[in-house]
Amino acid sequence: MTFPSPTQMPGSRPVPGATAPVGADVDPAELTAQIGEITDRVDAIAADTTGDPDDTEAVGAHIAALDATADLVDRAHGLLTDALDRLDRV
């Protein structure tokens, strides 16, 4: 079985010596900090969620924590997807 070479793969490629387009404004340090804040919040939610998830009274707290965590994961996904989209335009 043969595989395509990198030049045959889909997607744009930077031209040597070309300037980066406007969309190539991804700051890895800023992105890392934003994702770090989100993962810290997810960890805090997990630490604050107490009680047995099988306990009827604790179920509401676990559902709320799961909902908050899902929102944060969705936000992180959006940040990473946006960064990849901007890099793909280079």
PDB file of N, CA and C in Angstrom:
ATOM      1  N   MET A   1       0.842  -1.171   0.000  1.00  0.00           N
ATOM      2  CA  MET A   1       0.000   0.000   0.000  1.00  0.00           C
ATOM      3  C   MET A   1       0.890   1.238   0.000  1.00  0.00           C
ATOM      4  N   THR A   2       0.550   2.194  -0.830  1.00  0.00           N
ATOM      5  CA  THR A   2       1.323   3.431  -0.872  1.00  0.00           C
ATOM      6  C   THR A   2       0.514   4.551  -0.254  1.00  0.00           C
ATOM      7  N   PHE A   3       1.213   5.491   0.293  1.00  0.00           N
ATOM      8  CA  PHE A   3       0.591   6.642   0.930  1.00  0.00           C
ATOM      9  C   PHE A   3       0.973   7.898   0.165  1.00  0.00           C
ATOM     10  N   PRO A   4       0.109   8.901   0.179  1.00  0.00           N
ATOM     11  CA  PRO A   4       0.448  10.136  -0.536  1.00  0.00           C
ATOM     12  C   PRO A   4       1.608  10.862   0.140  1.00  0.00           C
ATOM     13  N   SER A   5       2.373  11.543  -0.674  1.00  0.00           N
ATOM     14  CA  SER A   5       3.468  12.347  -0.123  1.00  0.00           C
ATOM     15  C   SER A   5       2.878  13.615   0.477  1.00  0.00           C
ATOM     16  N   PRO A   6       3.636  14.327   1.293  1.00  0.00           N
ATOM     17  CA  PRO A   6       3.118  15.564   1.888  1.00  0.00           C
ATOM     18  C   PRO A   6       2.633  16.578   0.852  1.00  0.00           C
ATOM     19  N   THR A   7       3.256  16.594  -0.327  1.00  0.00           N
ATOM     20  CA  THR A   7       2.813  17.548  -1.353  1.00  0.00           C
ATOM     21  C   THR A   7       1.483  17.155  -1.970  1.00  0.00           C
ATOM     22  N   GLN A   8       1.099  15.904  -1.821  1.00  0.00           N
ATOM     23  CA  GLN A   8      -0.175  15.433  -2.351  1.00  0.00           C
ATOM     24  C   GLN A   8      -1.313  15.548  -1.340  1.00  0.00           C
ATOM     25  N   MET A   9      -0.997  15.885  -0.104  1.00  0.00           N
ATOM     26  CA  MET A   9      -2.013  15.997   0.939  1.00  0.00           C
ATOM     27  C   MET A   9      -2.813  17.282   0.754  1.00  0.00           C
ATOM     28  N   PRO A  10      -4.115  17.240   1.079  1.00  0.00           N
ATOM     29  CA  PRO A  10      -4.921  18.454   0.948  1.00  0.00           C
ATOM     30  C   PRO A  10      -4.523  19.510   1.964  1.00  0.00           C
ATOM     31  N   GLY A  11      -4.837  20.738   1.663  1.00  0.00           N
ATOM     32  CA  GLY A  11      -4.535  21.844   2.572  1.00  0.00           C
ATOM     33  C   GLY A  11      -3.504  22.777   1.974  1.00  0.00           C
ATOM     34  N   SER A  12      -3.505  23.976   2.453  1.00  0.00           N
ATOM     35  CA  SER A  12      -2.570  24.961   1.933  1.00  0.00           C
ATOM     36  C   SER A  12      -1.200  24.768   2.552  1.00  0.00           C
ATOM     37  N   ARG A  13      -0.192  25.202   1.855  1.00  0.00           N
ATOM     38  CA  ARG A  13       1.180  25.112   2.324  1.00  0.00           C
ATOM     39  C   ARG A  13       1.807  26.510   2.255  1.00  0.00           C
ATOM     40  N   PRO A  14       2.560  26.883   3.270  1.00  0.00           N
ATOM     41  CA  PRO A  14       3.238  28.172   3.190  1.00  0.00           C
ATOM     42  C   PRO A  14       4.327  28.151   2.119  1.00  0.00           C
ATOM     43  N   VAL A  15       4.459  29.237   1.437  1.00  0.00           N
ATOM     44  CA  VAL A  15       5.492  29.378   0.424  1.00  0.00           C
ATOM     45  C   VAL A  15       6.734  29.932   1.113  1.00  0.00           C
ATOM     46  N   PRO A  16       7.891  29.312   0.909  1.00  0.00           N
ATOM     47  CA  PRO A  16       9.098  29.819   1.564  1.00  0.00           C
ATOM     48  C   PRO A  16       9.331  31.291   1.221  1.00  0.00           C
ATOM     49  N   GLY A  17       9.592  32.084   2.237  1.00  0.00           N
ATOM     50  CA  GLY A  17       9.866  33.497   2.041  1.00  0.00           C
ATOM     51  C   GLY A  17       8.625  34.370   1.978  1.00  0.00           C
ATOM     52  N   ALA A  18       7.441  33.769   1.958  1.00  0.00           N
ATOM     53  CA  ALA A  18       6.204  34.552   1.889  1.00  0.00           C
ATOM     54  C   ALA A  18       5.849  35.066   3.275  1.00  0.00           C
ATOM     55  N   THR A  19       5.217  36.208   3.327  1.00  0.00           N
ATOM     56  CA  THR A  19       4.773  36.737   4.610  1.00  0.00           C
ATOM     57  C   THR A  19       3.507  36.023   5.039  1.00  0.00           C
ATOM     58  N   ALA A  20       3.307  35.932   6.325  1.00  0.00           N
ATOM     59  CA  ALA A  20       2.126  35.252   6.858  1.00  0.00           C
ATOM     60  C   ALA A  20       0.889  36.101   6.604  1.00  0.00           C
ATOM     61  N   PRO A  21      -0.205  35.497   6.190  1.00  0.00           N
ATOM     62  CA  PRO A  21      -1.435  36.254   5.984  1.00  0.00           C
ATOM     63  C   PRO A  21      -2.015  36.729   7.313  1.00  0.00           C
ATOM     64  N   VAL A  22      -2.983  37.602   7.216  1.00  0.00           N
ATOM     65  CA  VAL A  22      -3.597  38.194   8.408  1.00  0.00           C
ATOM     66  C   VAL A  22      -4.178  37.125   9.323  1.00  0.00           C
ATOM     67  N   GLY A  23      -4.694  36.044   8.773  1.00  0.00           N
ATOM     68  CA  GLY A  23      -5.317  35.001   9.579  1.00  0.00           C
ATOM     69  C   GLY A  23      -4.349  34.200  10.429  1.00  0.00           C
ATOM     70  N   ALA A  24      -3.054  34.397  10.247  1.00  0.00           N
ATOM     71  CA  ALA A  24      -2.061  33.612  10.985  1.00  0.00           C
ATOM     72  C   ALA A  24      -1.670  34.295  12.286  1.00  0.00           C
ATOM     73  N   ASP A  25      -2.646  34.738  13.020  1.00  0.00           N
ATOM     74  CA  ASP A  25      -2.384  35.493  14.243  1.00  0.00           C
ATOM     75  C   ASP A  25      -2.595  34.656  15.498  1.00  0.00           C
ATOM     76  N   VAL A  26      -2.285  33.382  15.435  1.00  0.00           N
ATOM     77  CA  VAL A  26      -2.455  32.507  16.586  1.00  0.00           C
ATOM     78  C   VAL A  26      -1.249  32.678  17.507  1.00  0.00           C
ATOM     79  N   ASP A  27      -1.516  33.061  18.729  1.00  0.00           N
ATOM     80  CA  ASP A  27      -0.472  33.209  19.735  1.00  0.00           C
ATOM     81  C   ASP A  27      -0.495  31.965  20.624  1.00  0.00           C
ATOM     82  N   PRO A  28       0.485  31.076  20.474  1.00  0.00           N
ATOM     83  CA  PRO A  28       0.464  29.836  21.250  1.00  0.00           C
ATOM     84  C   PRO A  28       0.421  30.067  22.760  1.00  0.00           C
ATOM     85  N   ALA A  29       1.115  31.093  23.247  1.00  0.00           N
ATOM     86  CA  ALA A  29       1.122  31.353  24.690  1.00  0.00           C
ATOM     87  C   ALA A  29      -0.267  31.767  25.168  1.00  0.00           C
ATOM     88  N   GLU A  30      -0.937  32.611  24.393  1.00  0.00           N
ATOM     89  CA  GLU A  30      -2.292  33.046  24.763  1.00  0.00           C
ATOM     90  C   GLU A  30      -3.268  31.875  24.708  1.00  0.00           C
ATOM     91  N   LEU A  31      -3.161  31.072  23.660  1.00  0.00           N
ATOM     92  CA  LEU A  31      -4.040  29.910  23.526  1.00  0.00           C
ATOM     93  C   LEU A  31      -3.809  28.928  24.671  1.00  0.00           C
ATOM     94  N   THR A  32      -2.563  28.699  25.017  1.00  0.00           N
ATOM     95  CA  THR A  32      -2.236  27.804  26.124  1.00  0.00           C
ATOM     96  C   THR A  32      -2.811  28.331  27.437  1.00  0.00           C
ATOM     97  N   ALA A  33      -2.711  29.644  27.641  1.00  0.00           N
ATOM     98  CA  ALA A  33      -3.255  30.248  28.859  1.00  0.00           C
ATOM     99  C   ALA A  33      -4.771  30.111  28.914  1.00  0.00           C
ATOM    100  N   GLN A  34      -5.438  30.348  27.784  1.00  0.00           N
ATOM    101  CA  GLN A  34      -6.899  30.235  27.749  1.00  0.00           C
ATOM    102  C   GLN A  34      -7.343  28.799  28.024  1.00  0.00           C
ATOM    103  N   ILE A  35      -6.694  27.839  27.405  1.00  0.00           N
ATOM    104  CA  ILE A  35      -7.048  26.433  27.623  1.00  0.00           C
ATOM    105  C   ILE A  35      -6.706  26.042  29.062  1.00  0.00           C
ATOM    106  N   GLY A  36      -5.602  26.557  29.592  1.00  0.00           N
ATOM    107  CA  GLY A  36      -5.235  26.286  30.989  1.00  0.00           C
ATOM    108  C   GLY A  36      -6.284  26.789  31.966  1.00  0.00           C
ATOM    109  N   GLU A  37      -6.825  27.995  31.705  1.00  0.00           N
ATOM    110  CA  GLU A  37      -7.888  28.530  32.554  1.00  0.00           C
ATOM    111  C   GLU A  37      -9.116  27.630  32.512  1.00  0.00           C
ATOM    112  N   ILE A  38      -9.450  27.170  31.333  1.00  0.00           N
ATOM    113  CA  ILE A  38     -10.629  26.308  31.192  1.00  0.00           C
ATOM    114  C   ILE A  38     -10.415  24.988  31.927  1.00  0.00           C
ATOM    115  N   THR A  39      -9.251  24.365  31.754  1.00  0.00           N
ATOM    116  CA  THR A  39      -9.020  23.085  32.434  1.00  0.00           C
ATOM    117  C   THR A  39      -8.959  23.262  33.946  1.00  0.00           C
ATOM    118  N   ASP A  40      -8.450  24.405  34.405  1.00  0.00           N
ATOM    119  CA  ASP A  40      -8.466  24.687  35.845  1.00  0.00           C
ATOM    120  C   ASP A  40      -9.896  24.780  36.363  1.00  0.00           C
ATOM    121  N   ARG A  41     -10.770  25.414  35.591  1.00  0.00           N
ATOM    122  CA  ARG A  41     -12.176  25.527  36.005  1.00  0.00           C
ATOM    123  C   ARG A  41     -12.850  24.161  35.998  1.00  0.00           C
ATOM    124  N   VAL A  42     -12.529  23.323  35.015  1.00  0.00           N
ATOM    125  CA  VAL A  42     -13.087  21.966  34.982  1.00  0.00           C
ATOM    126  C   VAL A  42     -12.623  21.188  36.211  1.00  0.00           C
ATOM    127  N   ASP A  43     -11.342  21.315  36.542  1.00  0.00           N
ATOM    128  CA  ASP A  43     -10.822  20.634  37.736  1.00  0.00           C
ATOM    129  C   ASP A  43     -11.506  21.139  39.006  1.00  0.00           C
ATOM    130  N   ALA A  44     -11.746  22.446  39.083  1.00  0.00           N
ATOM    131  CA  ALA A  44     -12.407  23.018  40.260  1.00  0.00           C
ATOM    132  C   ALA A  44     -13.842  22.501  40.376  1.00  0.00           C
ATOM    133  N   ILE A  45     -14.529  22.399  39.257  1.00  0.00           N
ATOM    134  CA  ILE A  45     -15.900  21.869  39.271  1.00  0.00           C
ATOM    135  C   ILE A  45     -15.887  20.426  39.766  1.00  0.00           C
ATOM    136  N   ALA A  46     -14.941  19.638  39.271  1.00  0.00           N
ATOM    137  CA  ALA A  46     -14.849  18.232  39.690  1.00  0.00           C
ATOM    138  C   ALA A  46     -14.545  18.125  41.181  1.00  0.00           C
ATOM    139  N   ALA A  47     -13.679  18.991  41.689  1.00  0.00           N
ATOM    140  CA  ALA A  47     -13.324  18.953  43.106  1.00  0.00           C
ATOM    141  C   ALA A  47     -14.483  19.397  43.995  1.00  0.00           C
ATOM    142  N   ASP A  48     -15.288  20.334  43.498  1.00  0.00           N
ATOM    143  CA  ASP A  48     -16.407  20.854  44.287  1.00  0.00           C
ATOM    144  C   ASP A  48     -17.626  19.934  44.269  1.00  0.00           C
ATOM    145  N   THR A  49     -17.679  19.040  43.308  1.00  0.00           N
ATOM    146  CA  THR A  49     -18.828  18.142  43.202  1.00  0.00           C
ATOM    147  C   THR A  49     -18.614  16.974  44.144  1.00  0.00           C
ATOM    148  N   THR A  50     -19.413  16.960  45.193  1.00  0.00           N
ATOM    149  CA  THR A  50     -19.265  15.917  46.203  1.00  0.00           C
ATOM    150  C   THR A  50     -20.531  15.075  46.265  1.00  0.00           C
ATOM    151  N   GLY A  51     -20.431  14.019  46.953  1.00  0.00           N
ATOM    152  CA  GLY A  51     -21.588  13.139  47.121  1.00  0.00           C
ATOM    153  C   GLY A  51     -21.563  11.997  46.129  1.00  0.00           C
ATOM    154  N   ASP A  52     -22.258  10.982  46.485  1.00  0.00           N
ATOM    155  CA  ASP A  52     -22.361   9.789  45.658  1.00  0.00           C
ATOM    156  C   ASP A  52     -23.290  10.067  44.481  1.00  0.00           C
ATOM    157  N   PRO A  53     -22.826   9.902  43.240  1.00  0.00           N
ATOM    158  CA  PRO A  53     -23.697  10.175  42.093  1.00  0.00           C
ATOM    159  C   PRO A  53     -24.926   9.271  42.044  1.00  0.00           C
ATOM    160  N   ASP A  54     -24.892   8.170  42.796  1.00  0.00           N
ATOM    161  CA  ASP A  54     -26.061   7.296  42.855  1.00  0.00           C
ATOM    162  C   ASP A  54     -27.060   7.742  43.908  1.00  0.00           C
ATOM    163  N   ASP A  55     -26.669   8.686  44.751  1.00  0.00           N
ATOM    164  CA  ASP A  55     -27.559   9.232  45.776  1.00  0.00           C
ATOM    165  C   ASP A  55     -28.539  10.193  45.105  1.00  0.00           C
ATOM    166  N   THR A  56     -29.806   9.995  45.320  1.00  0.00           N
ATOM    167  CA  THR A  56     -30.841  10.796  44.671  1.00  0.00           C
ATOM    168  C   THR A  56     -30.670  12.293  44.925  1.00  0.00           C
ATOM    169  N   GLU A  57     -30.270  12.672  46.111  1.00  0.00           N
ATOM    170  CA  GLU A  57     -30.125  14.089  46.434  1.00  0.00           C
ATOM    171  C   GLU A  57     -28.880  14.704  45.790  1.00  0.00           C
ATOM    172  N   ALA A  58     -27.862  13.918  45.503  1.00  0.00           N
ATOM    173  CA  ALA A  58     -26.633  14.434  44.896  1.00  0.00           C
ATOM    174  C   ALA A  58     -26.702  14.483  43.376  1.00  0.00           C
ATOM    175  N   VAL A  59     -27.719  13.835  42.802  1.00  0.00           N
ATOM    176  CA  VAL A  59     -27.828  13.762  41.345  1.00  0.00           C
ATOM    177  C   VAL A  59     -27.924  15.150  40.721  1.00  0.00           C
ATOM    178  N   GLY A  60     -28.689  16.045  41.316  1.00  0.00           N
ATOM    179  CA  GLY A  60     -28.831  17.398  40.774  1.00  0.00           C
ATOM    180  C   GLY A  60     -27.507  18.131  40.704  1.00  0.00           C
ATOM    181  N   ALA A  61     -26.702  17.994  41.742  1.00  0.00           N
ATOM    182  CA  ALA A  61     -25.391  18.652  41.755  1.00  0.00           C
ATOM    183  C   ALA A  61     -24.476  18.064  40.687  1.00  0.00           C
ATOM    184  N   HIS A  62     -24.551  16.764  40.506  1.00  0.00           N
ATOM    185  CA  HIS A  62     -23.720  16.115  39.491  1.00  0.00           C
ATOM    186  C   HIS A  62     -24.165  16.504  38.088  1.00  0.00           C
ATOM    187  N   ILE A  63     -25.457  16.631  37.884  1.00  0.00           N
ATOM    188  CA  ILE A  63     -25.959  17.054  36.572  1.00  0.00           C
ATOM    189  C   ILE A  63     -25.534  18.492  36.285  1.00  0.00           C
ATOM    190  N   ALA A  64     -25.638  19.361  37.277  1.00  0.00           N
ATOM    191  CA  ALA A  64     -25.210  20.750  37.104  1.00  0.00           C
ATOM    192  C   ALA A  64     -23.708  20.819  36.813  1.00  0.00           C
ATOM    193  N   ALA A  65     -22.918  20.009  37.505  1.00  0.00           N
ATOM    194  CA  ALA A  65     -21.471  19.987  37.267  1.00  0.00           C
ATOM    195  C   ALA A  65     -21.155  19.469  35.873  1.00  0.00           C
ATOM    196  N   LEU A  66     -21.880  18.448  35.458  1.00  0.00           N
ATOM    197  CA  LEU A  66     -21.686  17.902  34.117  1.00  0.00           C
ATOM    198  C   LEU A  66     -22.045  18.932  33.054  1.00  0.00           C
ATOM    199  N   ASP A  67     -23.117  19.662  33.271  1.00  0.00           N
ATOM    200  CA  ASP A  67     -23.535  20.698  32.328  1.00  0.00           C
ATOM    201  C   ASP A  67     -22.483  21.810  32.236  1.00  0.00           C
ATOM    202  N   ALA A  68     -21.986  22.253  33.382  1.00  0.00           N
ATOM    203  CA  ALA A  68     -20.953  23.297  33.394  1.00  0.00           C
ATOM    204  C   ALA A  68     -19.672  22.803  32.728  1.00  0.00           C
ATOM    205  N   THR A  69     -19.307  21.561  32.993  1.00  0.00           N
ATOM    206  CA  THR A  69     -18.106  20.984  32.385  1.00  0.00           C
ATOM    207  C   THR A  69     -18.267  20.871  30.874  1.00  0.00           C
ATOM    208  N   ALA A  70     -19.443  20.445  30.425  1.00  0.00           N
ATOM    209  CA  ALA A  70     -19.694  20.338  28.983  1.00  0.00           C
ATOM    210  C   ALA A  70     -19.580  21.701  28.310  1.00  0.00           C
ATOM    211  N   ASP A  71     -20.094  22.749  28.951  1.00  0.00           N
ATOM    212  CA  ASP A  71     -19.974  24.095  28.393  1.00  0.00           C
ATOM    213  C   ASP A  71     -18.512  24.516  28.273  1.00  0.00           C
ATOM    214  N   LEU A  72     -17.715  24.212  29.288  1.00  0.00           N
ATOM    215  CA  LEU A  72     -16.304  24.574  29.258  1.00  0.00           C
ATOM    216  C   LEU A  72     -15.540  23.787  28.192  1.00  0.00           C
ATOM    217  N   VAL A  73     -15.841  22.509  28.068  1.00  0.00           N
ATOM    218  CA  VAL A  73     -15.192  21.693  27.041  1.00  0.00           C
ATOM    219  C   VAL A  73     -15.574  22.206  25.651  1.00  0.00           C
ATOM    220  N   ASP A  74     -16.824  22.592  25.485  1.00  0.00           N
ATOM    221  CA  ASP A  74     -17.268  23.152  24.209  1.00  0.00           C
ATOM    222  C   ASP A  74     -16.524  24.447  23.903  1.00  0.00           C
ATOM    223  N   ARG A  75     -16.321  25.271  24.917  1.00  0.00           N
ATOM    224  CA  ARG A  75     -15.584  26.528  24.728  1.00  0.00           C
ATOM    225  C   ARG A  75     -14.133  26.240  24.328  1.00  0.00           C
ATOM    226  N   ALA A  76     -13.494  25.285  25.000  1.00  0.00           N
ATOM    227  CA  ALA A  76     -12.118  24.911  24.665  1.00  0.00           C
ATOM    228  C   ALA A  76     -12.044  24.370  23.242  1.00  0.00           C
ATOM    229  N   HIS A  77     -13.023  23.568  22.879  1.00  0.00           N
ATOM    230  CA  HIS A  77     -13.072  23.027  21.523  1.00  0.00           C
ATOM    231  C   HIS A  77     -13.169  24.158  20.507  1.00  0.00           C
ATOM    232  N   GLY A  78     -14.003  25.152  20.795  1.00  0.00           N
ATOM    233  CA  GLY A  78     -14.146  26.292  19.897  1.00  0.00           C
ATOM    234  C   GLY A  78     -12.848  27.072  19.749  1.00  0.00           C
ATOM    235  N   LEU A  79     -12.140  27.288  20.859  1.00  0.00           N
ATOM    236  CA  LEU A  79     -10.861  27.997  20.803  1.00  0.00           C
ATOM    237  C   LEU A  79      -9.844  27.240  19.955  1.00  0.00           C
ATOM    238  N   LEU A  80      -9.750  25.945  20.171  1.00  0.00           N
ATOM    239  CA  LEU A  80      -8.780  25.141  19.433  1.00  0.00           C
ATOM    240  C   LEU A  80      -9.154  25.026  17.954  1.00  0.00           C
ATOM    241  N   THR A  81     -10.420  24.843  17.665  1.00  0.00           N
ATOM    242  CA  THR A  81     -10.870  24.753  16.277  1.00  0.00           C
ATOM    243  C   THR A  81     -10.611  26.061  15.535  1.00  0.00           C
ATOM    244  N   ASP A  82     -10.898  27.169  16.193  1.00  0.00           N
ATOM    245  CA  ASP A  82     -10.654  28.474  15.580  1.00  0.00           C
ATOM    246  C   ASP A  82      -9.164  28.662  15.297  1.00  0.00           C
ATOM    247  N   ALA A  83      -8.323  28.283  16.249  1.00  0.00           N
ATOM    248  CA  ALA A  83      -6.873  28.417  16.042  1.00  0.00           C
ATOM    249  C   ALA A  83      -6.409  27.552  14.884  1.00  0.00           C
ATOM    250  N   LEU A  84      -6.910  26.324  14.807  1.00  0.00           N
ATOM    251  CA  LEU A  84      -6.529  25.442  13.699  1.00  0.00           C
ATOM    252  C   LEU A  84      -7.007  25.994  12.359  1.00  0.00           C
ATOM    253  N   ASP A  85      -8.206  26.554  12.332  1.00  0.00           N
ATOM    254  CA  ASP A  85      -8.718  27.164  11.106  1.00  0.00           C
ATOM    255  C   ASP A  85      -7.827  28.307  10.655  1.00  0.00           C
ATOM    256  N   ARG A  86      -7.420  29.142  11.611  1.00  0.00           N
ATOM    257  CA  ARG A  86      -6.547  30.270  11.260  1.00  0.00           C
ATOM    258  C   ARG A  86      -5.190  29.794  10.783  1.00  0.00           C
ATOM    259  N   LEU A  87      -4.659  28.756  11.380  1.00  0.00           N
ATOM    260  CA  LEU A  87      -3.370  28.222  10.951  1.00  0.00           C
ATOM    261  C   LEU A  87      -3.454  27.545   9.600  1.00  0.00           C
ATOM    262  N   ASP A  88      -4.580  26.925   9.314  1.00  0.00           N
ATOM    263  CA  ASP A  88      -4.759  26.235   8.035  1.00  0.00           C
ATOM    264  C   ASP A  88      -4.785  27.217   6.873  1.00  0.00           C
ATOM    265  N   ARG A  89      -5.100  28.469   7.154  1.00  0.00           N
ATOM    266  CA  ARG A  89      -5.154  29.486   6.104  1.00  0.00           C
ATOM    267  C   ARG A  89      -3.788  30.049   5.770  1.00  0.00           C
ATOM    268  N   VAL A  90      -2.780  29.651   6.515  1.00  0.00           N
ATOM    269  CA  VAL A  90      -1.432  30.182   6.282  1.00  0.00           C
ATOM    270  C   VAL A  90      -0.909  29.684   4.969  1.00  0.00           C
TER     271      VAL A  90
END
